N, C-alpha and C. Protein backbone atom coordinates (compact mmCIF):
# COMPACT_ATOMS: atom_id res chain seq x y z
N MET A 1 93.38 79.24 105.79
CA MET A 1 91.97 78.93 105.81
C MET A 1 91.30 79.54 107.05
N ASN A 2 92.05 79.73 108.13
CA ASN A 2 91.48 80.30 109.35
C ASN A 2 90.99 81.73 109.14
N ILE A 3 91.67 82.47 108.27
CA ILE A 3 91.27 83.86 108.03
C ILE A 3 89.88 83.93 107.42
N TYR A 4 89.53 82.95 106.60
CA TYR A 4 88.19 82.93 106.00
C TYR A 4 87.12 82.66 107.05
N ILE A 5 87.44 81.82 108.01
CA ILE A 5 86.49 81.54 109.09
C ILE A 5 86.24 82.81 109.90
N PHE A 6 87.32 83.54 110.23
CA PHE A 6 87.17 84.79 110.97
C PHE A 6 86.38 85.81 110.16
N ALA A 7 86.62 85.87 108.86
CA ALA A 7 85.89 86.82 108.01
C ALA A 7 84.41 86.48 107.96
N ILE A 8 84.08 85.22 107.83
CA ILE A 8 82.68 84.81 107.76
C ILE A 8 81.98 85.03 109.09
N VAL A 9 82.64 84.68 110.19
CA VAL A 9 82.06 84.90 111.52
C VAL A 9 81.87 86.40 111.76
N GLY A 10 82.84 87.21 111.38
CA GLY A 10 82.72 88.66 111.53
C GLY A 10 81.60 89.23 110.69
N LEU A 11 81.43 88.71 109.49
CA LEU A 11 80.34 89.16 108.63
C LEU A 11 78.99 88.81 109.23
N ILE A 12 78.84 87.59 109.70
CA ILE A 12 77.58 87.16 110.31
C ILE A 12 77.30 87.96 111.57
N LEU A 13 78.32 88.16 112.39
CA LEU A 13 78.15 88.94 113.61
C LEU A 13 77.76 90.38 113.29
N GLY A 14 78.37 90.97 112.29
CA GLY A 14 78.04 92.34 111.89
C GLY A 14 76.62 92.47 111.38
N VAL A 15 76.17 91.48 110.61
CA VAL A 15 74.79 91.51 110.11
C VAL A 15 73.81 91.37 111.26
N VAL A 16 74.07 90.47 112.21
CA VAL A 16 73.16 90.28 113.34
C VAL A 16 73.11 91.54 114.20
N VAL A 17 74.25 92.13 114.50
CA VAL A 17 74.27 93.35 115.32
C VAL A 17 73.56 94.48 114.59
N GLY A 18 73.81 94.62 113.29
CA GLY A 18 73.13 95.65 112.51
C GLY A 18 71.64 95.45 112.44
N TRP A 19 71.22 94.21 112.37
CA TRP A 19 69.79 93.90 112.30
C TRP A 19 69.09 94.20 113.63
N LEU A 20 69.77 93.93 114.74
CA LEU A 20 69.15 94.09 116.05
C LEU A 20 69.29 95.49 116.63
N THR A 21 70.17 96.30 116.09
CA THR A 21 70.40 97.64 116.60
C THR A 21 69.39 98.61 115.99
N PRO A 22 68.61 99.28 116.82
CA PRO A 22 67.62 100.22 116.28
C PRO A 22 68.27 101.54 115.89
N LEU A 23 68.89 101.59 114.73
CA LEU A 23 69.57 102.79 114.26
C LEU A 23 68.75 103.41 113.14
N HIS A 24 68.33 104.65 113.33
CA HIS A 24 67.55 105.35 112.33
C HIS A 24 68.35 106.54 111.83
N ILE A 25 68.56 106.58 110.54
CA ILE A 25 69.32 107.66 109.93
C ILE A 25 68.33 108.67 109.36
N PRO A 26 68.47 109.94 109.71
CA PRO A 26 67.55 110.95 109.17
C PRO A 26 67.63 111.01 107.65
N ALA A 27 66.53 111.38 107.03
CA ALA A 27 66.47 111.43 105.57
C ALA A 27 67.48 112.42 105.00
N SER A 28 67.81 113.44 105.75
CA SER A 28 68.77 114.44 105.25
C SER A 28 70.19 113.87 105.13
N TYR A 29 70.47 112.78 105.83
CA TYR A 29 71.78 112.14 105.75
C TYR A 29 71.78 110.89 104.86
N ALA A 30 70.67 110.62 104.22
CA ALA A 30 70.57 109.38 103.43
C ALA A 30 71.58 109.33 102.29
N ASN A 31 71.77 110.44 101.59
CA ASN A 31 72.75 110.46 100.50
C ASN A 31 74.16 110.21 101.00
N TYR A 32 74.51 110.84 102.11
CA TYR A 32 75.85 110.66 102.67
C TYR A 32 76.07 109.22 103.12
N THR A 33 75.08 108.67 103.77
CA THR A 33 75.21 107.31 104.29
C THR A 33 75.32 106.29 103.17
N SER A 34 74.48 106.43 102.16
CA SER A 34 74.52 105.45 101.07
C SER A 34 75.83 105.51 100.31
N VAL A 35 76.36 106.69 100.08
CA VAL A 35 77.63 106.81 99.38
C VAL A 35 78.77 106.28 100.26
N ALA A 36 78.72 106.54 101.55
CA ALA A 36 79.75 106.04 102.45
C ALA A 36 79.74 104.52 102.51
N VAL A 37 78.55 103.92 102.55
CA VAL A 37 78.45 102.46 102.58
C VAL A 37 78.96 101.86 101.27
N LEU A 38 78.61 102.47 100.16
CA LEU A 38 79.08 101.97 98.87
C LEU A 38 80.59 102.11 98.74
N ALA A 39 81.16 103.20 99.24
CA ALA A 39 82.61 103.37 99.23
C ALA A 39 83.29 102.32 100.10
N ALA A 40 82.69 102.03 101.25
CA ALA A 40 83.23 100.99 102.13
C ALA A 40 83.16 99.62 101.45
N LEU A 41 82.05 99.33 100.78
CA LEU A 41 81.93 98.06 100.05
C LEU A 41 82.97 97.97 98.94
N ASP A 42 83.24 99.09 98.29
CA ASP A 42 84.28 99.10 97.26
C ASP A 42 85.62 98.71 97.85
N ALA A 43 85.95 99.26 99.00
CA ALA A 43 87.22 98.92 99.64
C ALA A 43 87.26 97.46 100.07
N VAL A 44 86.15 96.94 100.58
CA VAL A 44 86.10 95.55 101.02
C VAL A 44 86.26 94.60 99.83
N PHE A 45 85.55 94.88 98.74
CA PHE A 45 85.70 94.02 97.57
C PHE A 45 87.09 94.15 96.95
N GLY A 46 87.66 95.35 96.99
CA GLY A 46 89.04 95.52 96.52
C GLY A 46 90.03 94.76 97.38
N GLY A 47 89.81 94.78 98.69
CA GLY A 47 90.68 94.01 99.59
C GLY A 47 90.53 92.52 99.40
N SER A 48 89.30 92.07 99.16
CA SER A 48 89.07 90.65 98.90
C SER A 48 89.75 90.22 97.61
N ARG A 49 89.67 91.08 96.61
CA ARG A 49 90.34 90.78 95.34
C ARG A 49 91.85 90.69 95.54
N ALA A 50 92.40 91.64 96.28
CA ALA A 50 93.83 91.63 96.53
C ALA A 50 94.24 90.40 97.32
N ALA A 51 93.41 89.97 98.26
CA ALA A 51 93.73 88.76 99.03
C ALA A 51 93.73 87.53 98.14
N LEU A 52 92.79 87.44 97.23
CA LEU A 52 92.76 86.30 96.31
C LEU A 52 93.94 86.31 95.36
N GLU A 53 94.40 87.51 95.00
CA GLU A 53 95.55 87.63 94.11
C GLU A 53 96.87 87.59 94.89
N ARG A 54 96.78 87.42 96.19
CA ARG A 54 97.94 87.32 97.09
C ARG A 54 98.82 88.57 97.09
N VAL A 55 98.19 89.72 96.97
CA VAL A 55 98.92 90.99 97.04
C VAL A 55 98.31 91.91 98.11
N PHE A 56 97.57 91.33 99.06
CA PHE A 56 96.89 92.12 100.08
C PHE A 56 97.89 92.77 101.01
N ASP A 57 97.65 94.04 101.31
CA ASP A 57 98.45 94.80 102.26
C ASP A 57 97.50 95.49 103.23
N LEU A 58 97.59 95.15 104.50
CA LEU A 58 96.65 95.65 105.49
C LEU A 58 96.68 97.17 105.60
N SER A 59 97.85 97.77 105.59
CA SER A 59 97.91 99.23 105.71
C SER A 59 97.29 99.90 104.48
N ASN A 60 97.50 99.31 103.32
CA ASN A 60 96.88 99.84 102.10
C ASN A 60 95.36 99.71 102.17
N PHE A 61 94.89 98.59 102.70
CA PHE A 61 93.44 98.38 102.83
C PHE A 61 92.83 99.39 103.79
N ILE A 62 93.44 99.57 104.95
CA ILE A 62 92.87 100.47 105.97
C ILE A 62 92.86 101.91 105.48
N THR A 63 93.97 102.36 104.90
CA THR A 63 94.00 103.73 104.39
C THR A 63 93.04 103.90 103.22
N GLY A 64 92.94 102.90 102.36
CA GLY A 64 92.00 102.98 101.24
C GLY A 64 90.56 102.98 101.71
N PHE A 65 90.27 102.19 102.71
CA PHE A 65 88.91 102.12 103.25
C PHE A 65 88.47 103.48 103.75
N PHE A 66 89.26 104.06 104.64
CA PHE A 66 88.86 105.33 105.24
C PHE A 66 88.94 106.49 104.25
N SER A 67 89.94 106.49 103.38
CA SER A 67 90.01 107.58 102.41
C SER A 67 88.87 107.50 101.40
N ASN A 68 88.45 106.30 101.00
CA ASN A 68 87.29 106.17 100.11
C ASN A 68 86.03 106.72 100.76
N VAL A 69 85.80 106.35 102.01
CA VAL A 69 84.60 106.80 102.70
C VAL A 69 84.62 108.31 102.89
N ILE A 70 85.74 108.84 103.34
CA ILE A 70 85.83 110.28 103.59
C ILE A 70 85.71 111.05 102.27
N LEU A 71 86.38 110.59 101.22
CA LEU A 71 86.30 111.26 99.93
C LEU A 71 84.87 111.25 99.39
N ALA A 72 84.19 110.15 99.53
CA ALA A 72 82.81 110.05 99.04
C ALA A 72 81.90 111.03 99.77
N VAL A 73 82.01 111.07 101.08
CA VAL A 73 81.14 111.96 101.86
C VAL A 73 81.48 113.42 101.57
N VAL A 74 82.76 113.74 101.47
CA VAL A 74 83.16 115.12 101.16
C VAL A 74 82.68 115.51 99.76
N LEU A 75 82.77 114.60 98.81
CA LEU A 75 82.31 114.87 97.46
C LEU A 75 80.82 115.19 97.44
N VAL A 76 80.03 114.43 98.16
CA VAL A 76 78.59 114.68 98.22
C VAL A 76 78.30 115.99 98.95
N TYR A 77 79.04 116.26 100.02
CA TYR A 77 78.84 117.50 100.77
C TYR A 77 79.17 118.73 99.92
N VAL A 78 80.28 118.69 99.23
CA VAL A 78 80.66 119.82 98.37
C VAL A 78 79.62 119.99 97.26
N GLY A 79 79.15 118.89 96.72
CA GLY A 79 78.10 118.97 95.71
C GLY A 79 76.84 119.63 96.25
N ASP A 80 76.48 119.31 97.48
CA ASP A 80 75.32 119.95 98.10
C ASP A 80 75.54 121.45 98.30
N LEU A 81 76.77 121.82 98.67
CA LEU A 81 77.07 123.23 98.89
C LEU A 81 76.97 124.05 97.61
N ILE A 82 77.43 123.49 96.50
CA ILE A 82 77.43 124.26 95.26
C ILE A 82 76.20 124.00 94.40
N GLY A 83 75.32 123.13 94.87
CA GLY A 83 74.06 122.91 94.18
C GLY A 83 74.11 121.91 93.04
N ILE A 84 75.11 121.07 93.03
CA ILE A 84 75.24 120.04 92.00
C ILE A 84 75.10 118.68 92.68
N ASN A 85 74.35 117.79 92.08
CA ASN A 85 74.11 116.47 92.67
C ASN A 85 75.28 115.53 92.39
N LEU A 86 76.39 115.73 93.09
CA LEU A 86 77.55 114.85 92.93
C LEU A 86 77.33 113.49 93.58
N TYR A 87 76.22 113.35 94.25
CA TYR A 87 75.83 112.08 94.85
C TYR A 87 75.77 110.99 93.78
N TYR A 88 75.20 111.33 92.64
CA TYR A 88 75.08 110.35 91.56
C TYR A 88 76.44 109.98 90.97
N VAL A 89 77.34 110.94 90.90
CA VAL A 89 78.68 110.67 90.39
C VAL A 89 79.40 109.68 91.29
N ALA A 90 79.29 109.89 92.58
CA ALA A 90 79.93 108.98 93.54
C ALA A 90 79.30 107.59 93.47
N LEU A 91 77.97 107.54 93.37
CA LEU A 91 77.30 106.24 93.27
C LEU A 91 77.74 105.47 92.02
N ILE A 92 77.80 106.16 90.91
CA ILE A 92 78.21 105.49 89.67
C ILE A 92 79.67 105.05 89.75
N GLY A 93 80.52 105.93 90.23
CA GLY A 93 81.95 105.59 90.32
C GLY A 93 82.23 104.42 91.24
N PHE A 94 81.73 104.49 92.46
CA PHE A 94 81.97 103.40 93.41
C PHE A 94 81.20 102.15 93.04
N GLY A 95 79.99 102.31 92.52
CA GLY A 95 79.22 101.14 92.08
C GLY A 95 79.92 100.40 90.96
N LEU A 96 80.48 101.13 90.02
CA LEU A 96 81.22 100.50 88.92
C LEU A 96 82.43 99.75 89.44
N ARG A 97 83.14 100.35 90.38
CA ARG A 97 84.31 99.68 90.95
C ARG A 97 83.94 98.41 91.71
N VAL A 98 82.80 98.44 92.40
CA VAL A 98 82.34 97.24 93.11
C VAL A 98 82.11 96.12 92.11
N PHE A 99 81.43 96.41 91.01
CA PHE A 99 81.15 95.38 90.03
C PHE A 99 82.42 94.90 89.32
N ILE A 100 83.38 95.78 89.08
CA ILE A 100 84.65 95.38 88.48
C ILE A 100 85.41 94.45 89.42
N ASN A 101 85.46 94.82 90.69
CA ASN A 101 86.15 93.96 91.67
C ASN A 101 85.43 92.63 91.84
N LEU A 102 84.12 92.66 91.84
CA LEU A 102 83.35 91.41 91.97
C LEU A 102 83.59 90.50 90.76
N ALA A 103 83.66 91.07 89.58
CA ALA A 103 83.95 90.28 88.38
C ALA A 103 85.35 89.68 88.45
N ALA A 104 86.32 90.45 88.94
CA ALA A 104 87.68 89.93 89.07
C ALA A 104 87.75 88.82 90.12
N ILE A 105 87.01 88.96 91.21
CA ILE A 105 86.97 87.92 92.24
C ILE A 105 86.37 86.65 91.66
N ARG A 106 85.25 86.79 90.94
CA ARG A 106 84.61 85.63 90.32
C ARG A 106 85.55 84.95 89.33
N LYS A 107 86.22 85.73 88.53
CA LYS A 107 87.16 85.17 87.55
C LYS A 107 88.31 84.45 88.23
N ASN A 108 88.81 85.06 89.31
CA ASN A 108 89.91 84.43 90.05
C ASN A 108 89.48 83.11 90.66
N ILE A 109 88.30 83.08 91.24
CA ILE A 109 87.80 81.85 91.86
C ILE A 109 87.55 80.78 90.81
N MET A 110 86.96 81.18 89.68
CA MET A 110 86.64 80.22 88.62
C MET A 110 87.91 79.64 87.99
N THR A 111 88.95 80.45 87.81
CA THR A 111 90.19 79.93 87.20
C THR A 111 90.95 79.02 88.16
N LYS A 112 90.81 79.23 89.45
CA LYS A 112 91.48 78.37 90.42
C LYS A 112 90.77 77.03 90.55
N ARG A 113 89.47 77.01 90.35
CA ARG A 113 88.70 75.78 90.53
C ARG A 113 88.74 74.89 89.29
N PHE A 114 88.85 75.49 88.12
CA PHE A 114 88.78 74.69 86.89
C PHE A 114 90.08 74.68 86.15
């Protein structure tokens, strides 16, 4: 139960620091940033799902987190180089995975409670 307290405190602290930090991202990097954030959210929801299913592995989470973010940004960059909007492909792919993981988390929580 202590791990959940640390996760919630870390989440609140991250939101407060992000809210108070005057960080402005140029419009030219907006596609890269949004895809990177969505890829990171995918890894976080996947890690949360794995933790609920009691199969969480920290090294798998860390490597998945960074490889998802790097792959997403590289995919968008290569798409920009060749003139194809791969930004949308990454958004759809990672967005779909976020919703699948969220549905699995909800199902796991609901089956444990009832």
